PDB file of N, CA and C in Angstrom:
ATOM      1  N   ARG A   1       0.821  -1.185   0.000  1.00  0.00           N
ATOM      2  CA  ARG A   1       0.000   0.000   0.000  1.00  0.00           C
ATOM      3  C   ARG A   1       0.865   1.249   0.000  1.00  0.00           C
ATOM      4  N   LYS A   2       1.915   1.265   0.784  1.00  0.00           N
ATOM      5  CA  LYS A   2       2.754   2.458   0.863  1.00  0.00           C
ATOM      6  C   LYS A   2       3.507   2.722  -0.434  1.00  0.00           C
ATOM      7  N   GLU A   3       3.716   1.675  -1.246  1.00  0.00           N
ATOM      8  CA  GLU A   3       4.428   1.853  -2.501  1.00  0.00           C
ATOM      9  C   GLU A   3       3.545   2.483  -3.570  1.00  0.00           C
ATOM     10  N   ASN A   4       2.250   2.487  -3.380  1.00  0.00           N
ATOM     11  CA  ASN A   4       1.297   3.042  -4.341  1.00  0.00           C
ATOM     12  C   ASN A   4       0.530   4.178  -3.681  1.00  0.00           C
ATOM     13  N   ASP A   5       0.979   5.398  -3.940  1.00  0.00           N
ATOM     14  CA  ASP A   5       0.369   6.573  -3.318  1.00  0.00           C
ATOM     15  C   ASP A   5      -1.122   6.693  -3.594  1.00  0.00           C
ATOM     16  N   VAL A   6      -1.582   6.132  -4.712  1.00  0.00           N
ATOM     17  CA  VAL A   6      -2.997   6.236  -5.044  1.00  0.00           C
ATOM     18  C   VAL A   6      -3.863   5.618  -3.942  1.00  0.00           C
ATOM     19  N   PHE A   7      -3.369   4.575  -3.271  1.00  0.00           N
ATOM     20  CA  PHE A   7      -4.144   3.940  -2.207  1.00  0.00           C
ATOM     21  C   PHE A   7      -4.187   4.785  -0.940  1.00  0.00           C
ATOM     22  N   VAL A   8      -3.177   5.586  -0.725  1.00  0.00           N
ATOM     23  CA  VAL A   8      -3.104   6.410   0.484  1.00  0.00           C
ATOM     24  C   VAL A   8      -3.753   7.773   0.260  1.00  0.00           C
ATOM     25  N   TYR A   9      -3.413   8.422  -0.853  1.00  0.00           N
ATOM     26  CA  TYR A   9      -3.834   9.801  -1.088  1.00  0.00           C
ATOM     27  C   TYR A   9      -4.930   9.952  -2.141  1.00  0.00           C
ATOM     28  N   GLY A  10      -5.249   8.884  -2.852  1.00  0.00           N
ATOM     29  CA  GLY A  10      -6.249   8.981  -3.913  1.00  0.00           C
ATOM     30  C   GLY A  10      -7.647   9.252  -3.379  1.00  0.00           C
ATOM     31  N   ILE A  11      -8.448   9.864  -4.190  1.00  0.00           N
ATOM     32  CA  ILE A  11      -9.830  10.188  -3.831  1.00  0.00           C
ATOM     33  C   ILE A  11     -10.674   8.918  -3.895  1.00  0.00           C
ATOM     34  N   TYR A  12     -11.422   8.661  -2.834  1.00  0.00           N
ATOM     35  CA  TYR A  12     -12.270   7.475  -2.696  1.00  0.00           C
ATOM     36  C   TYR A  12     -13.607   7.702  -3.386  1.00  0.00           C
ATOM     37  N   ASP A  13     -14.065   6.693  -4.142  1.00  0.00           N
ATOM     38  CA  ASP A  13     -15.380   6.753  -4.773  1.00  0.00           C
ATOM     39  C   ASP A  13     -15.990   5.354  -4.741  1.00  0.00           C
ATOM     40  N   LEU A  14     -17.121   5.204  -4.084  1.00  0.00           N
ATOM     41  CA  LEU A  14     -17.802   3.914  -3.988  1.00  0.00           C
ATOM     42  C   LEU A  14     -18.401   3.544  -5.338  1.00  0.00           C
ATOM     43  N   ILE A  15     -18.169   2.299  -5.759  1.00  0.00           N
ATOM     44  CA  ILE A  15     -18.796   1.758  -6.966  1.00  0.00           C
ATOM     45  C   ILE A  15     -19.496   0.467  -6.563  1.00  0.00           C
ATOM     46  N   LEU A  16     -20.348  -0.028  -7.392  1.00  0.00           N
ATOM     47  CA  LEU A  16     -21.077  -1.277  -7.119  1.00  0.00           C
ATOM     48  C   LEU A  16     -21.839  -1.215  -5.801  1.00  0.00           C
ATOM     49  N   SER A  17     -22.463  -0.116  -5.509  1.00  0.00           N
ATOM     50  CA  SER A  17     -23.142   0.048  -4.220  1.00  0.00           C
ATOM     51  C   SER A  17     -24.297  -0.929  -4.022  1.00  0.00           C
ATOM     52  N   ASN A  18     -24.819  -1.495  -5.095  1.00  0.00           N
ATOM     53  CA  ASN A  18     -25.945  -2.426  -4.969  1.00  0.00           C
ATOM     54  C   ASN A  18     -25.559  -3.887  -5.169  1.00  0.00           C
ATOM     55  N   HIS A  19     -24.269  -4.177  -5.333  1.00  0.00           N
ATOM     56  CA  HIS A  19     -23.840  -5.560  -5.550  1.00  0.00           C
ATOM     57  C   HIS A  19     -23.956  -6.337  -4.242  1.00  0.00           C
ATOM     58  N   LYS A  20     -24.497  -7.547  -4.307  1.00  0.00           N
ATOM     59  CA  LYS A  20     -24.758  -8.332  -3.096  1.00  0.00           C
ATOM     60  C   LYS A  20     -23.513  -9.002  -2.527  1.00  0.00           C
ATOM     61  N   GLN A  21     -22.471  -9.178  -3.343  1.00  0.00           N
ATOM     62  CA  GLN A  21     -21.281  -9.895  -2.886  1.00  0.00           C
ATOM     63  C   GLN A  21     -20.016  -9.049  -2.867  1.00  0.00           C
ATOM     64  N   ILE A  22     -19.920  -8.088  -3.753  1.00  0.00           N
ATOM     65  CA  ILE A  22     -18.672  -7.354  -3.919  1.00  0.00           C
ATOM     66  C   ILE A  22     -18.788  -5.954  -3.337  1.00  0.00           C
ATOM     67  N   PHE A  23     -17.816  -5.606  -2.495  1.00  0.00           N
ATOM     68  CA  PHE A  23     -17.633  -4.232  -2.041  1.00  0.00           C
ATOM     69  C   PHE A  23     -16.585  -3.641  -2.964  1.00  0.00           C
ATOM     70  N   GLY A  24     -16.957  -2.635  -3.721  1.00  0.00           N
ATOM     71  CA  GLY A  24     -16.045  -2.085  -4.714  1.00  0.00           C
ATOM     72  C   GLY A  24     -15.939  -0.580  -4.623  1.00  0.00           C
ATOM     73  N   TYR A  25     -14.711  -0.095  -4.814  1.00  0.00           N
ATOM     74  CA  TYR A  25     -14.486   1.343  -4.836  1.00  0.00           C
ATOM     75  C   TYR A  25     -13.264   1.648  -5.687  1.00  0.00           C
ATOM     76  N   THR A  26     -13.126   2.920  -6.040  1.00  0.00           N
ATOM     77  CA  THR A  26     -11.934   3.366  -6.749  1.00  0.00           C
ATOM     78  C   THR A  26     -11.173   4.332  -5.864  1.00  0.00           C
ATOM     79  N   ARG A  27      -9.892   4.422  -6.124  1.00  0.00           N
ATOM     80  CA  ARG A  27      -9.023   5.452  -5.560  1.00  0.00           C
ATOM     81  C   ARG A  27      -8.365   6.106  -6.765  1.00  0.00           C
ATOM     82  N   THR A  28      -8.488   7.428  -6.874  1.00  0.00           N
ATOM     83  CA  THR A  28      -8.008   8.134  -8.053  1.00  0.00           C
ATOM     84  C   THR A  28      -7.077   9.267  -7.654  1.00  0.00           C
ATOM     85  N   SER A  29      -5.893   9.293  -8.294  1.00  0.00           N
ATOM     86  CA  SER A  29      -4.949  10.399  -8.122  1.00  0.00           C
ATOM     87  C   SER A  29      -4.860  11.140  -9.450  1.00  0.00           C
ATOM     88  N   ASP A  30      -3.913  12.049  -9.550  1.00  0.00           N
ATOM     89  CA  ASP A  30      -3.742  12.795 -10.802  1.00  0.00           C
ATOM     90  C   ASP A  30      -3.316  11.900 -11.958  1.00  0.00           C
ATOM     91  N   THR A  31      -2.603  10.816 -11.651  1.00  0.00           N
ATOM     92  CA  THR A  31      -2.039   9.989 -12.718  1.00  0.00           C
ATOM     93  C   THR A  31      -2.483   8.534 -12.703  1.00  0.00           C
ATOM     94  N   LYS A  32      -3.135   8.094 -11.636  1.00  0.00           N
ATOM     95  CA  LYS A  32      -3.499   6.679 -11.520  1.00  0.00           C
ATOM     96  C   LYS A  32      -4.921   6.511 -11.009  1.00  0.00           C
ATOM     97  N   ARG A  33      -5.509   5.367 -11.367  1.00  0.00           N
ATOM     98  CA  ARG A  33      -6.798   4.980 -10.802  1.00  0.00           C
ATOM     99  C   ARG A  33      -6.702   3.510 -10.421  1.00  0.00           C
ATOM    100  N   ALA A  34      -7.093   3.207  -9.200  1.00  0.00           N
ATOM    101  CA  ALA A  34      -7.096   1.828  -8.720  1.00  0.00           C
ATOM    102  C   ALA A  34      -8.535   1.406  -8.475  1.00  0.00           C
ATOM    103  N   TYR A  35      -8.884   0.233  -8.996  1.00  0.00           N
ATOM    104  CA  TYR A  35     -10.179  -0.372  -8.717  1.00  0.00           C
ATOM    105  C   TYR A  35      -9.958  -1.419  -7.641  1.00  0.00           C
ATOM    106  N   VAL A  36     -10.686  -1.294  -6.546  1.00  0.00           N
ATOM    107  CA  VAL A  36     -10.562  -2.233  -5.434  1.00  0.00           C
ATOM    108  C   VAL A  36     -11.869  -3.011  -5.356  1.00  0.00           C
ATOM    109  N   LEU A  37     -11.777  -4.324  -5.544  1.00  0.00           N
ATOM    110  CA  LEU A  37     -12.950  -5.191  -5.537  1.00  0.00           C
ATOM    111  C   LEU A  37     -12.726  -6.268  -4.499  1.00  0.00           C
ATOM    112  N   THR A  38     -13.627  -6.361  -3.539  1.00  0.00           N
ATOM    113  CA  THR A  38     -13.487  -7.307  -2.445  1.00  0.00           C
ATOM    114  C   THR A  38     -14.733  -8.161  -2.355  1.00  0.00           C
ATOM    115  N   ASN A  39     -14.573  -9.461  -2.523  1.00  0.00           N
ATOM    116  CA  ASN A  39     -15.673 -10.402  -2.357  1.00  0.00           C
ATOM    117  C   ASN A  39     -15.729 -10.763  -0.878  1.00  0.00           C
ATOM    118  N   LEU A  40     -16.777 -10.359  -0.206  1.00  0.00           N
ATOM    119  CA  LEU A  40     -16.898 -10.576   1.234  1.00  0.00           C
ATOM    120  C   LEU A  40     -17.667 -11.844   1.576  1.00  0.00           C
ATOM    121  N   THR A  41     -17.851 -12.715   0.596  1.00  0.00           N
ATOM    122  CA  THR A  41     -18.574 -13.965   0.819  1.00  0.00           C
ATOM    123  C   THR A  41     -17.645 -15.144   0.550  1.00  0.00           C
ATOM    124  N   ASP A  42     -18.135 -16.337   0.827  1.00  0.00           N
ATOM    125  CA  ASP A  42     -17.349 -17.536   0.527  1.00  0.00           C
ATOM    126  C   ASP A  42     -17.758 -18.158  -0.806  1.00  0.00           C
ATOM    127  N   CYS A  43     -18.518 -17.419  -1.601  1.00  0.00           N
ATOM    128  CA  CYS A  43     -18.970 -17.893  -2.911  1.00  0.00           C
ATOM    129  C   CYS A  43     -18.246 -17.125  -4.016  1.00  0.00           C
ATOM    130  N   VAL A  44     -18.126 -17.757  -5.184  1.00  0.00           N
ATOM    131  CA  VAL A  44     -17.545 -17.082  -6.337  1.00  0.00           C
ATOM    132  C   VAL A  44     -18.478 -15.951  -6.748  1.00  0.00           C
ATOM    133  N   ALA A  45     -17.927 -14.779  -6.983  1.00  0.00           N
ATOM    134  CA  ALA A  45     -18.720 -13.620  -7.385  1.00  0.00           C
ATOM    135  C   ALA A  45     -18.420 -13.284  -8.838  1.00  0.00           C
ATOM    136  N   GLN A  46     -19.433 -12.805  -9.550  1.00  0.00           N
ATOM    137  CA  GLN A  46     -19.257 -12.396 -10.937  1.00  0.00           C
ATOM    138  C   GLN A  46     -19.255 -10.887 -11.014  1.00  0.00           C
ATOM    139  N   PHE A  47     -18.403 -10.387 -11.889  1.00  0.00           N
ATOM    140  CA  PHE A  47     -18.276  -8.948 -12.068  1.00  0.00           C
ATOM    141  C   PHE A  47     -17.887  -8.684 -13.511  1.00  0.00           C
ATOM    142  N   THR A  48     -18.515  -7.718 -14.143  1.00  0.00           N
ATOM    143  CA  THR A  48     -18.191  -7.330 -15.507  1.00  0.00           C
ATOM    144  C   THR A  48     -17.331  -6.080 -15.459  1.00  0.00           C
ATOM    145  N   LEU A  49     -16.156  -6.141 -16.090  1.00  0.00           N
ATOM    146  CA  LEU A  49     -15.271  -4.982 -16.116  1.00  0.00           C
ATOM    147  C   LEU A  49     -15.912  -3.844 -16.889  1.00  0.00           C
ATOM    148  N   TYR A  50     -15.603  -2.643 -16.479  1.00  0.00           N
ATOM    149  CA  TYR A  50     -16.113  -1.463 -17.156  1.00  0.00           C
ATOM    150  C   TYR A  50     -15.526  -1.365 -18.559  1.00  0.00           C
ATOM    151  N   GLN A  51     -16.339  -0.893 -19.495  1.00  0.00           N
ATOM    152  CA  GLN A  51     -15.821  -0.617 -20.834  1.00  0.00           C
ATOM    153  C   GLN A  51     -14.814   0.512 -20.708  1.00  0.00           C
ATOM    154  N   GLY A  52     -13.777   0.442 -21.481  1.00  0.00           N
ATOM    155  CA  GLY A  52     -12.767   1.486 -21.441  1.00  0.00           C
ATOM    156  C   GLY A  52     -11.641   1.204 -20.469  1.00  0.00           C
ATOM    157  N   LEU A  53     -11.766   0.160 -19.690  1.00  0.00           N
ATOM    158  CA  LEU A  53     -10.676  -0.212 -18.792  1.00  0.00           C
ATOM    159  C   LEU A  53      -9.616  -0.879 -19.658  1.00  0.00           C
ATOM    160  N   SER A  54      -8.557  -0.145 -19.966  1.00  0.00           N
ATOM    161  CA  SER A  54      -7.614  -0.595 -20.986  1.00  0.00           C
ATOM    162  C   SER A  54      -6.541  -1.535 -20.462  1.00  0.00           C
ATOM    163  N   SER A  55      -6.223  -1.453 -19.204  1.00  0.00           N
ATOM    164  CA  SER A  55      -5.200  -2.351 -18.675  1.00  0.00           C
ATOM    165  C   SER A  55      -5.492  -2.617 -17.212  1.00  0.00           C
ATOM    166  N   SER A  56      -4.980  -3.727 -16.755  1.00  0.00           N
ATOM    167  CA  SER A  56      -5.170  -4.054 -15.345  1.00  0.00           C
ATOM    168  C   SER A  56      -3.962  -4.819 -14.846  1.00  0.00           C
ATOM    169  N   GLN A  57      -3.731  -4.706 -13.564  1.00  0.00           N
ATOM    170  CA  GLN A  57      -2.644  -5.418 -12.920  1.00  0.00           C
ATOM    171  C   GLN A  57      -3.110  -5.772 -11.521  1.00  0.00           C
ATOM    172  N   LEU A  58      -3.018  -7.033 -11.174  1.00  0.00           N
ATOM    173  CA  LEU A  58      -3.373  -7.468  -9.837  1.00  0.00           C
ATOM    174  C   LEU A  58      -2.268  -7.037  -8.888  1.00  0.00           C
ATOM    175  N   VAL A  59      -2.622  -6.250  -7.879  1.00  0.00           N
ATOM    176  CA  VAL A  59      -1.633  -5.728  -6.940  1.00  0.00           C
ATOM    177  C   VAL A  59      -1.612  -6.546  -5.667  1.00  0.00           C
ATOM    178  N   LEU A  60      -2.785  -6.987  -5.204  1.00  0.00           N
ATOM    179  CA  LEU A  60      -2.867  -7.714  -3.946  1.00  0.00           C
ATOM    180  C   LEU A  60      -4.013  -8.710  -4.014  1.00  0.00           C
ATOM    181  N   SER A  61      -3.785  -9.897  -3.510  1.00  0.00           N
ATOM    182  CA  SER A  61      -4.819 -10.923  -3.480  1.00  0.00           C
ATOM    183  C   SER A  61      -4.541 -11.868  -2.332  1.00  0.00           C
ATOM    184  N   ASN A  62      -5.599 -12.457  -1.783  1.00  0.00           N
ATOM    185  CA  ASN A  62      -5.398 -13.469  -0.752  1.00  0.00           C
ATOM    186  C   ASN A  62      -5.538 -14.880  -1.324  1.00  0.00           C
ATOM    187  N   LEU A  63      -5.615 -14.986  -2.638  1.00  0.00           N
ATOM    188  CA  LEU A  63      -5.671 -16.281  -3.316  1.00  0.00           C
ATOM    189  C   LEU A  63      -4.307 -16.611  -3.902  1.00  0.00           C
ATOM    190  N   LEU A  64      -3.986 -17.893  -3.952  1.00  0.00           N
ATOM    191  CA  LEU A  64      -2.729 -18.293  -4.576  1.00  0.00           C
ATOM    192  C   LEU A  64      -2.731 -17.978  -6.059  1.00  0.00           C
ATOM    193  N   GLU A  65      -3.883 -18.188  -6.706  1.00  0.00           N
ATOM    194  CA  GLU A  65      -4.054 -17.846  -8.113  1.00  0.00           C
ATOM    195  C   GLU A  65      -5.385 -17.130  -8.268  1.00  0.00           C
ATOM    196  N   PRO A  66      -5.398 -15.972  -8.930  1.00  0.00           N
ATOM    197  CA  PRO A  66      -6.670 -15.280  -9.125  1.00  0.00           C
ATOM    198  C   PRO A  66      -7.619 -16.096  -9.991  1.00  0.00           C
ATOM    199  N   VAL A  67      -8.885 -16.005  -9.699  1.00  0.00           N
ATOM    200  CA  VAL A  67      -9.907 -16.707 -10.464  1.00  0.00           C
ATOM    201  C   VAL A  67     -10.467 -15.729 -11.481  1.00  0.00           C
ATOM    202  N   THR A  68     -10.275 -16.043 -12.762  1.00  0.00           N
ATOM    203  CA  THR A  68     -10.833 -15.197 -13.813  1.00  0.00           C
ATOM    204  C   THR A  68     -11.497 -16.077 -14.846  1.00  0.00           C
ATOM    205  N   GLU A  69     -12.565 -15.571 -15.384  1.00  0.00           N
ATOM    206  CA  GLU A  69     -13.274 -16.277 -16.449  1.00  0.00           C
ATOM    207  C   GLU A  69     -13.745 -15.233 -17.428  1.00  0.00           C
ATOM    208  N   HIS A  70     -13.361 -15.373 -18.668  1.00  0.00           N
ATOM    209  CA  HIS A  70     -13.759 -14.423 -19.702  1.00  0.00           C
ATOM    210  C   HIS A  70     -14.892 -15.019 -20.509  1.00  0.00           C
ATOM    211  N   LYS A  71     -15.931 -14.229 -20.709  1.00  0.00           N
ATOM    212  CA  LYS A  71     -17.078 -14.690 -21.496  1.00  0.00           C
ATOM    213  C   LYS A  71     -17.203 -13.884 -22.749  1.00  0.00           C
TER     214      LYS A  71
END
């Protein structure tokens, strides 16, 4: 977290406020935007990435391998 200033100083914005499984928010700085998605259940959650999201990098996970499925 300390290595990525966007997580410390970025502006917080809640997203997915109505999702039943995922707590999601963004942190935005002048040069970066981080999407934080947390599944607070013990079930697999589905989420559709926003259009225009051109690149992504997993920064932190509590899984040995991230679970992704492209449809």
